[in-house]
Amino acid sequence: AETVVATHLQLDGDRLVTGEEEIDLGKISKLLVIAIGKASVPMARAAERILGDRITDGLVVSNAVIGSLPQLPILLGGHPLPNAASLEAASRALSLLRQHDSEQTLILFLISGGGSAMFEQPIDPGIALDDLQAVNKTLVNCGAVISEMNIVRRHLSAVKGGKLAAAAPRSRQVSLYISDVNSDDLTTVASGPTLPDASTVEDFQRIIARYDLANQFPASVVQSSAFRQQQAIPPEVDRKSTRLN
């Protein structure tokens, strides 16, 4: 992971080249690095080695620390189930993005598999951590394939399906993804936190119905405003990115 990031992230003076993108760092006042997933530590290590003290802030979210990073803090999110640090990581990342959102800010997102659990914030604040864990357990065991699971996750999340990137709409953004899915559908890697979500409410409803999830999810989830809006349940019813090779 460290080697492949270095191949796709090259610095020549003030010129940062990544894929087909060239960015003049002389016009950038703040550079944030946010790395999420099982490969986040080595990916971030490569970014630190290349960019050095040009990095002004950021965050790394992993499920295991392999070595240390001199510049970026590391949080240990849960996997395969989210934990309290998963929620803290998402909250801190959103705060950083909103705080530094500017046309003079560059955000480098480093995304790899496993980020769906390690990095999360429910779209409805009434959904507690134990209910979120129950949702993930149900999804893993209901027979749904990963793409279906991630559609449900994205529609119930405040960071998945491009919502993380949307927290800094004015900033320049570059995302490097390491794919761990056979189809290389990047929206499935960590549930695509920086990619537009092509799934629809109808897709969500179809998956909920196919696996009878409304009768398996915790009541707090089914009764949440987010779930009701997706399902159209009346109140009275109880129930720009690059793949790295």
Protein backbone atom coordinates (compact mmCIF):
# COMPACT_ATOMS: atom_id res chain seq x y z
CA ALA A 1 0.00 0.00 0.00
CA GLU A 2 2.82 2.40 0.85
CA THR A 3 4.60 1.68 -2.43
CA VAL A 4 1.53 2.01 -4.60
CA VAL A 5 0.59 5.37 -3.07
CA ALA A 6 4.11 6.64 -3.70
CA THR A 7 3.72 5.61 -7.35
CA HIS A 8 0.57 7.72 -7.72
CA LEU A 9 1.60 10.70 -5.58
CA GLN A 10 4.66 12.61 -6.75
CA LEU A 11 6.01 16.00 -5.75
CA ASP A 12 8.14 18.17 -8.02
CA GLY A 13 8.86 21.45 -6.28
CA ASP A 14 5.44 22.98 -5.66
CA ARG A 15 3.82 20.74 -8.25
CA LEU A 16 1.90 17.74 -6.88
CA VAL A 17 1.08 15.14 -9.51
CA THR A 18 -1.47 12.42 -8.79
CA GLY A 19 -2.87 10.43 -11.68
CA GLU A 20 -3.82 12.95 -14.34
CA GLU A 21 -4.19 15.75 -11.78
CA GLU A 22 -1.57 18.46 -11.28
CA ILE A 23 -1.93 20.78 -8.31
CA ASP A 24 0.11 23.91 -7.62
CA LEU A 25 0.79 23.71 -3.89
CA GLY A 26 1.99 27.31 -4.00
CA LYS A 27 -1.69 28.26 -4.16
CA ILE A 28 -2.64 25.95 -1.28
CA SER A 29 -2.56 27.30 2.27
CA LYS A 30 -3.81 24.14 4.05
CA LEU A 31 -3.28 20.49 3.17
CA LEU A 32 -5.33 17.88 5.00
CA VAL A 33 -4.76 14.13 4.81
CA ILE A 34 -7.62 11.85 5.85
CA ALA A 35 -6.89 8.13 5.57
CA ILE A 36 -9.54 5.49 6.28
CA GLY A 37 -9.42 1.69 6.13
CA LYS A 38 -7.25 -1.36 6.70
CA ALA A 39 -4.42 0.09 4.60
CA SER A 40 -4.70 3.61 6.01
CA VAL A 41 -1.47 3.60 8.05
CA PRO A 42 0.92 2.66 5.22
CA MET A 43 -1.01 4.88 2.80
CA ALA A 44 -0.67 7.82 5.20
CA ARG A 45 3.01 6.98 5.80
CA ALA A 46 3.66 7.38 2.08
CA ALA A 47 1.80 10.71 2.03
CA GLU A 48 3.80 11.97 5.02
CA ARG A 49 7.09 10.93 3.42
CA ILE A 50 6.23 12.73 0.17
CA LEU A 51 4.48 15.84 1.47
CA GLY A 52 6.33 16.30 4.77
CA ASP A 53 5.56 19.48 6.69
CA ARG A 54 3.26 20.68 3.92
CA ILE A 55 0.59 18.62 5.73
CA THR A 56 -1.21 20.96 8.10
CA ASP A 57 -3.77 18.58 9.65
CA GLY A 58 -5.55 15.30 9.21
CA LEU A 59 -6.55 11.98 10.68
CA VAL A 60 -5.87 8.27 10.14
CA VAL A 61 -8.49 5.65 10.95
CA SER A 62 -7.39 2.02 11.07
CA ASN A 63 -8.29 -1.20 12.86
CA ALA A 64 -4.66 -1.97 13.70
CA VAL A 65 -1.56 0.17 14.16
CA ILE A 66 1.40 -1.04 12.13
CA GLY A 67 4.19 1.27 13.23
CA SER A 68 3.60 4.95 13.96
CA LEU A 69 3.15 8.20 12.10
CA PRO A 70 5.09 11.34 13.07
CA GLN A 71 2.48 13.86 11.95
CA LEU A 72 -1.00 12.38 11.80
CA PRO A 73 -3.05 11.05 14.75
CA ILE A 74 -4.38 7.49 14.52
CA LEU A 75 -7.74 6.28 15.79
CA LEU A 76 -8.58 2.58 16.06
CA GLY A 77 -12.05 2.11 14.64
CA GLY A 78 -13.93 -1.16 15.00
CA HIS A 79 -13.97 -3.96 12.44
CA PRO A 80 -16.06 -5.81 11.41
CA LEU A 81 -18.38 -3.85 13.73
CA PRO A 82 -18.10 -0.11 14.44
CA ASN A 83 -17.01 0.97 17.90
CA ALA A 84 -16.98 4.24 19.83
CA ALA A 85 -13.76 5.27 18.06
CA SER A 86 -15.49 4.74 14.70
CA LEU A 87 -17.99 7.42 15.66
CA GLU A 88 -15.30 9.68 17.11
CA ALA A 89 -13.24 9.38 13.93
CA ALA A 90 -16.13 10.42 11.70
CA SER A 91 -17.03 13.30 14.00
CA ARG A 92 -13.44 14.57 14.07
CA ALA A 93 -13.04 14.25 10.31
CA LEU A 94 -16.26 16.14 9.60
CA SER A 95 -15.19 18.86 12.02
CA LEU A 96 -11.79 19.20 10.32
CA LEU A 97 -13.34 19.42 6.87
CA ARG A 98 -15.88 22.05 7.87
CA GLN A 99 -13.33 24.06 9.83
CA HIS A 100 -10.81 24.24 6.98
CA ASP A 101 -13.16 24.35 3.99
CA SER A 102 -11.73 26.92 1.62
CA GLU A 103 -10.67 27.36 -2.00
CA GLN A 104 -7.08 27.42 -0.68
CA THR A 105 -7.45 24.02 1.02
CA LEU A 106 -6.41 20.71 -0.52
CA ILE A 107 -7.79 17.50 0.99
CA LEU A 108 -6.09 14.21 0.21
CA PHE A 109 -8.39 11.28 0.96
CA LEU A 110 -6.74 7.85 1.22
CA ILE A 111 -9.42 5.16 1.23
CA SER A 112 -9.15 1.38 1.58
CA GLY A 113 -11.36 -1.57 2.50
CA GLY A 114 -12.86 -1.97 5.95
CA GLY A 115 -13.67 1.70 6.30
CA SER A 116 -17.42 1.05 6.39
CA ALA A 117 -17.13 -0.15 10.01
CA MET A 118 -14.10 1.83 11.16
CA PHE A 119 -15.57 5.19 10.20
CA GLU A 120 -19.22 5.98 10.76
CA GLN A 121 -21.76 8.52 11.87
CA PRO A 122 -25.49 7.68 11.69
CA ILE A 123 -27.48 10.15 9.65
CA ASP A 124 -29.99 10.21 12.52
CA PRO A 125 -28.40 11.13 15.88
CA GLY A 126 -31.05 9.06 17.64
CA ILE A 127 -29.38 5.84 16.45
CA ALA A 128 -27.05 4.65 19.23
CA LEU A 129 -23.81 2.70 18.81
CA ASP A 130 -25.29 -0.62 19.95
CA ASP A 131 -28.13 -0.23 17.45
CA LEU A 132 -25.61 0.59 14.73
CA GLN A 133 -23.69 -2.57 15.62
CA ALA A 134 -26.92 -4.56 15.46
CA VAL A 135 -27.62 -3.19 11.97
CA ASN A 136 -24.19 -4.31 10.78
CA LYS A 137 -24.58 -7.77 12.32
CA THR A 138 -27.94 -8.17 10.62
CA LEU A 139 -26.59 -7.04 7.25
CA VAL A 140 -23.65 -9.44 7.43
CA ASN A 141 -25.89 -12.39 8.28
CA CYS A 142 -29.01 -11.71 6.18
CA GLY A 143 -27.64 -13.11 2.91
CA ALA A 144 -27.13 -9.76 1.17
CA VAL A 145 -24.06 -9.28 -1.04
CA ILE A 146 -21.57 -6.53 -0.20
CA SER A 147 -23.01 -4.07 -2.73
CA GLU A 148 -26.47 -4.46 -1.18
CA MET A 149 -25.14 -4.11 2.34
CA ASN A 150 -23.35 -0.92 1.41
CA ILE A 151 -26.44 0.59 -0.21
CA VAL A 152 -28.27 0.22 3.10
CA ARG A 153 -25.26 1.55 5.02
CA ARG A 154 -24.93 4.57 2.74
CA HIS A 155 -28.57 5.55 3.09
CA LEU A 156 -28.36 5.43 6.90
CA SER A 157 -24.99 7.20 7.17
CA ALA A 158 -23.86 10.81 7.46
CA VAL A 159 -20.43 10.07 5.93
CA LYS A 160 -20.88 7.31 3.36
CA GLY A 161 -21.87 7.73 -0.29
CA GLY A 162 -19.98 10.99 -0.80
CA LYS A 163 -21.29 12.73 2.31
CA LEU A 164 -17.81 12.98 3.83
CA ALA A 165 -16.46 14.92 0.84
CA ALA A 166 -19.61 17.05 0.79
CA ALA A 167 -18.61 18.48 4.18
CA ALA A 168 -15.95 20.57 2.38
CA PRO A 169 -17.61 21.71 -0.85
CA ARG A 170 -15.21 24.60 -1.57
CA SER A 171 -11.98 22.67 -1.07
CA ARG A 172 -9.86 21.01 -3.74
CA GLN A 173 -10.10 17.25 -3.22
CA VAL A 174 -8.18 14.22 -4.42
CA SER A 175 -9.14 10.66 -3.46
CA LEU A 176 -6.88 7.62 -3.84
CA TYR A 177 -8.68 4.30 -3.43
CA ILE A 178 -7.17 0.85 -2.95
CA SER A 179 -9.85 -1.58 -4.06
CA ASP A 180 -10.54 -4.84 -2.23
CA VAL A 181 -13.64 -5.78 -4.25
CA ASN A 182 -13.62 -7.95 -7.35
CA SER A 183 -15.70 -5.58 -9.44
CA ASP A 184 -13.52 -2.57 -8.56
CA ASP A 185 -16.72 -0.66 -7.84
CA LEU A 186 -15.13 2.11 -5.79
CA THR A 187 -18.46 3.14 -4.26
CA THR A 188 -18.31 -0.20 -2.43
CA VAL A 189 -14.82 0.39 -0.96
CA ALA A 190 -15.48 1.77 2.56
CA SER A 191 -18.96 2.60 1.17
CA GLY A 192 -17.51 5.37 -1.01
CA PRO A 193 -17.18 8.26 1.48
CA THR A 194 -15.94 10.66 -1.22
CA LEU A 195 -17.88 9.31 -4.21
CA PRO A 196 -21.39 10.21 -5.41
CA ASP A 197 -23.96 7.59 -4.47
CA ALA A 198 -25.71 6.26 -7.56
CA SER A 199 -28.14 4.13 -5.55
CA THR A 200 -31.71 5.32 -5.14
CA VAL A 201 -34.36 5.23 -2.46
CA GLU A 202 -35.99 2.49 -4.53
CA ASP A 203 -32.78 0.42 -4.28
CA PHE A 204 -32.82 0.86 -0.52
CA GLN A 205 -36.48 -0.13 -0.28
CA ARG A 206 -35.94 -3.18 -2.49
CA ILE A 207 -33.11 -4.49 -0.29
CA ILE A 208 -35.01 -3.82 2.92
CA ALA A 209 -37.97 -5.77 1.56
CA ARG A 210 -35.92 -8.60 0.00
CA TYR A 211 -34.27 -9.50 3.31
CA ASP A 212 -37.12 -8.42 5.62
CA LEU A 213 -34.76 -6.02 7.36
CA ALA A 214 -37.47 -3.78 8.81
CA ASN A 215 -38.42 -6.66 11.10
CA GLN A 216 -34.80 -7.37 12.06
CA PHE A 217 -33.29 -3.93 12.62
CA PRO A 218 -33.56 -2.32 16.09
CA ALA A 219 -36.70 -0.28 16.70
CA SER A 220 -34.67 2.94 17.04
CA VAL A 221 -33.45 2.47 13.46
CA VAL A 222 -36.81 1.54 11.92
CA GLN A 223 -38.51 4.42 13.73
CA SER A 224 -35.80 6.96 12.91
CA SER A 225 -36.65 9.85 10.63
CA ALA A 226 -34.02 8.74 8.10
CA PHE A 227 -35.45 5.24 7.77
CA ARG A 228 -39.04 6.51 7.58
CA GLN A 229 -38.13 8.98 4.84
CA GLN A 230 -36.45 6.23 2.83
CA GLN A 231 -39.34 3.86 3.36
CA ALA A 232 -42.16 6.41 3.35
CA ILE A 233 -43.47 4.78 6.53
CA PRO A 234 -46.28 6.80 8.12
CA PRO A 235 -45.72 7.82 11.77
CA GLU A 236 -48.41 5.49 13.11
CA VAL A 237 -46.63 2.37 11.81
CA ASP A 238 -44.26 0.85 14.35
CA ARG A 239 -42.34 -0.68 12.18
CA LYS A 240 -12.86 12.40 -8.49
CA SER A 241 -11.15 9.32 -7.74
CA THR A 242 -8.41 6.93 -8.69
CA ARG A 243 -8.15 3.20 -8.17
CA LEU A 244 -4.60 2.26 -7.25
CA ASN A 245 -3.10 -0.71 -9.11
